[in-house]
Amino acid sequence: MLRGLYPGRFQPFHLGHLSVIKWALQKVDELIIVIGSAQESHTLANPFTAGERIEMIRESLLEENIDLSSIYLIPVPDILMNNVWVSHVRSFSPNFDIVFARNPLVIRLFKEAGFEILIPPPYDREKYNSTLIRRLIIENSDEWKKLVPQKVAEYILKIRGDERLKAIAGIY
């Protein structure tokens, strides 16, 4: 059985992330999705809690009829020490064989630790970009709803995540 690992902050989870997961699941039997910066929330860069991000991802995968028995959702807090970060991730995660990443630092760290790296296609990164999505939410543009799975848009509105982001940005 081949198991992969896909780390990200998912602030919020968007259609690009979903495309990577679908792509990765064509290459492995099981996928560990690491929710990074798990201790962070209620900031401009990290507005959603780890639990909220887990719910967003899970609801999106269910909406796409992805078998959750092949998915692990693992929150991992930051340690701010790159030289031991891979060991830190491994201490929270089931064993894995392959890492799916585009981030140059993540690629370097896992390569140095001896892992096989697969770089997913970019899936229109200018458009599917969490920083852009957060900005669109703050600007009160409905365009952000087209960039995330429907379940994510519904979830953000349900928890009033849009209001949270605007408040954090000082817009009331």
Protein backbone atom coordinates (compact mmCIF):
# COMPACT_ATOMS: atom_id res chain seq x y z
CA MET A 1 0.00 0.00 0.00
CA LEU A 2 1.37 3.38 -1.04
CA ARG A 3 0.67 6.36 1.21
CA GLY A 4 1.32 10.02 0.41
CA LEU A 5 1.50 13.19 2.44
CA TYR A 6 0.17 16.59 1.35
CA PRO A 7 1.03 19.46 3.72
CA GLY A 8 -0.60 22.89 3.61
CA ARG A 9 -2.21 25.60 5.69
CA PHE A 10 -5.50 25.58 3.73
CA GLN A 11 -6.49 29.10 4.86
CA PRO A 12 -9.03 28.51 3.31
CA PHE A 13 -9.22 25.23 1.37
CA HIS A 14 -9.78 26.08 -2.32
CA LEU A 15 -10.34 24.42 -5.69
CA GLY A 16 -6.60 24.26 -6.38
CA HIS A 17 -6.09 22.23 -3.18
CA LEU A 18 -8.97 19.96 -4.20
CA SER A 19 -7.38 19.41 -7.63
CA VAL A 20 -4.07 18.43 -5.98
CA ILE A 21 -5.85 15.93 -3.73
CA LYS A 22 -7.63 14.33 -6.68
CA TRP A 23 -4.33 14.20 -8.61
CA ALA A 24 -2.49 12.70 -5.63
CA LEU A 25 -5.16 10.05 -5.07
CA GLN A 26 -4.47 8.76 -8.59
CA LYS A 27 -0.92 7.99 -7.45
CA VAL A 28 -1.35 6.64 -3.91
CA ASP A 29 -3.77 4.38 -2.05
CA GLU A 30 -4.06 6.68 0.97
CA LEU A 31 -3.37 10.36 1.48
CA ILE A 32 -2.40 12.18 4.66
CA ILE A 33 -3.45 15.82 4.52
CA VAL A 34 -1.39 17.79 7.02
CA ILE A 35 -3.10 20.91 8.29
CA GLY A 36 -0.07 23.06 9.06
CA SER A 37 0.19 25.98 11.47
CA ALA A 38 -2.49 24.17 13.48
CA GLN A 39 -2.01 26.45 16.49
CA GLU A 40 -2.77 29.57 14.43
CA SER A 41 -6.18 31.20 14.03
CA HIS A 42 -7.90 34.58 14.06
CA THR A 43 -5.09 36.38 12.16
CA LEU A 44 -5.09 37.80 8.63
CA ALA A 45 -2.79 35.03 7.36
CA ASN A 46 -4.42 32.25 9.40
CA PRO A 47 -8.03 33.19 10.12
CA PHE A 48 -9.44 29.68 10.56
CA THR A 49 -8.77 27.16 13.33
CA ALA A 50 -7.35 23.73 12.57
CA GLY A 51 -10.73 22.22 13.41
CA GLU A 52 -12.51 24.56 11.01
CA ARG A 53 -10.05 23.70 8.24
CA ILE A 54 -10.56 19.98 8.89
CA GLU A 55 -14.33 20.45 8.55
CA MET A 56 -13.91 22.46 5.32
CA ILE A 57 -11.70 19.79 3.77
CA ARG A 58 -13.82 16.88 4.94
CA GLU A 59 -17.07 18.43 3.67
CA SER A 60 -15.45 19.24 0.31
CA LEU A 61 -14.14 15.70 -0.11
CA LEU A 62 -17.52 14.22 0.75
CA GLU A 63 -19.16 16.57 -1.77
CA GLU A 64 -16.77 15.17 -4.41
CA ASN A 65 -17.57 11.56 -3.41
CA ILE A 66 -13.98 10.96 -2.32
CA ASP A 67 -13.72 7.90 -0.07
CA LEU A 68 -12.72 9.26 3.33
CA SER A 69 -11.40 5.84 4.37
CA SER A 70 -8.36 6.65 2.20
CA ILE A 71 -7.83 10.09 3.80
CA TYR A 72 -6.15 11.15 7.04
CA LEU A 73 -6.58 14.75 8.23
CA ILE A 74 -3.78 15.56 10.67
CA PRO A 75 -3.29 18.96 12.34
CA VAL A 76 0.36 19.82 12.99
CA PRO A 77 1.48 22.91 14.94
CA ASP A 78 4.52 24.92 13.84
CA ILE A 79 7.87 24.52 15.56
CA LEU A 80 9.86 27.22 13.69
CA MET A 81 12.93 24.97 13.35
CA ASN A 82 13.26 23.88 9.74
CA ASN A 83 16.06 21.38 10.41
CA VAL A 84 13.74 19.20 12.54
CA TRP A 85 10.42 20.03 10.90
CA VAL A 86 10.18 16.76 8.93
CA SER A 87 10.71 14.74 12.13
CA HIS A 88 8.08 16.91 13.80
CA VAL A 89 5.56 16.20 11.01
CA ARG A 90 6.40 12.49 11.14
CA SER A 91 5.72 12.43 14.89
CA PHE A 92 2.11 13.53 14.24
CA SER A 93 1.52 11.44 11.13
CA PRO A 94 1.12 7.83 10.08
CA ASN A 95 4.03 6.55 7.98
CA PHE A 96 4.15 7.72 4.38
CA ASP A 97 6.18 7.05 1.24
CA ILE A 98 5.69 10.07 -1.01
CA VAL A 99 5.30 13.80 -0.39
CA PHE A 100 3.17 16.02 -2.63
CA ALA A 101 4.39 19.62 -2.51
CA ARG A 102 5.16 22.71 -4.56
CA ASN A 103 6.69 24.83 -1.78
CA PRO A 104 10.49 24.94 -2.40
CA LEU A 105 11.38 24.75 1.31
CA VAL A 106 9.03 21.82 1.94
CA ILE A 107 10.46 20.01 -1.09
CA ARG A 108 14.05 20.62 0.08
CA LEU A 109 13.38 19.47 3.65
CA PHE A 110 11.61 16.24 2.67
CA LYS A 111 14.21 15.49 -0.05
CA GLU A 112 17.00 15.87 2.50
CA ALA A 113 15.10 13.45 4.75
CA GLY A 114 15.09 10.88 1.92
CA PHE A 115 11.48 11.09 0.77
CA GLU A 116 10.28 10.84 -2.81
CA ILE A 117 8.70 14.13 -3.88
CA LEU A 118 5.98 14.55 -6.49
CA ILE A 119 5.28 18.11 -7.59
CA PRO A 120 1.60 18.56 -8.51
CA PRO A 121 0.55 20.64 -11.49
CA PRO A 122 0.05 24.32 -10.56
CA TYR A 123 -3.74 24.38 -11.21
CA ASP A 124 -3.92 28.12 -11.97
CA ARG A 125 -2.11 29.28 -8.83
CA GLU A 126 -2.68 32.98 -9.58
CA LYS A 127 -6.41 32.37 -9.32
CA TYR A 128 -6.51 29.58 -6.71
CA ASN A 129 -4.56 31.31 -4.01
CA SER A 130 -5.60 31.53 -0.35
CA THR A 131 -4.10 35.02 0.08
CA LEU A 132 -6.22 36.30 -2.82
CA ILE A 133 -9.31 34.53 -1.48
CA ARG A 134 -8.87 36.08 1.97
CA ARG A 135 -8.44 39.52 0.35
CA LEU A 136 -11.61 39.06 -1.72
CA ILE A 137 -13.53 38.09 1.42
CA ILE A 138 -12.29 41.22 3.22
CA GLU A 139 -13.20 43.38 0.19
CA ASN A 140 -16.72 41.94 0.29
CA SER A 141 -16.38 40.55 -3.24
CA ASP A 142 -18.49 37.47 -3.95
CA GLU A 143 -15.77 36.34 -6.41
CA TRP A 144 -14.12 34.30 -3.63
CA LYS A 145 -17.06 31.89 -3.62
CA LYS A 146 -16.12 30.75 -7.15
CA LEU A 147 -12.59 29.86 -6.02
CA VAL A 148 -13.51 27.43 -3.23
CA PRO A 149 -15.66 24.29 -3.18
CA GLN A 150 -19.33 25.09 -2.54
CA LYS A 151 -19.15 23.39 0.88
CA VAL A 152 -16.26 25.68 1.90
CA ALA A 153 -18.19 28.82 0.93
CA GLU A 154 -21.22 27.57 2.84
CA TYR A 155 -19.10 26.66 5.86
CA ILE A 156 -17.27 30.01 5.97
CA LEU A 157 -20.59 31.85 5.85
CA LYS A 158 -22.13 29.51 8.47
CA ILE A 159 -19.33 30.19 10.99
CA ARG A 160 -19.30 33.87 9.97
CA GLY A 161 -15.68 33.50 8.89
CA ASP A 162 -16.20 36.35 6.44
CA GLU A 163 -17.17 38.64 9.33
CA ARG A 164 -14.19 37.36 11.34
CA LEU A 165 -11.74 38.20 8.55
CA LYS A 166 -13.20 41.69 8.10
CA ALA A 167 -13.02 42.33 11.86
CA ILE A 168 -9.39 41.14 11.99
CA ALA A 169 -8.66 43.54 9.10
CA GLY A 170 -10.34 46.36 11.04
CA ILE A 171 -13.35 46.56 8.73
CA TYR A 172 -16.69 46.52 10.55
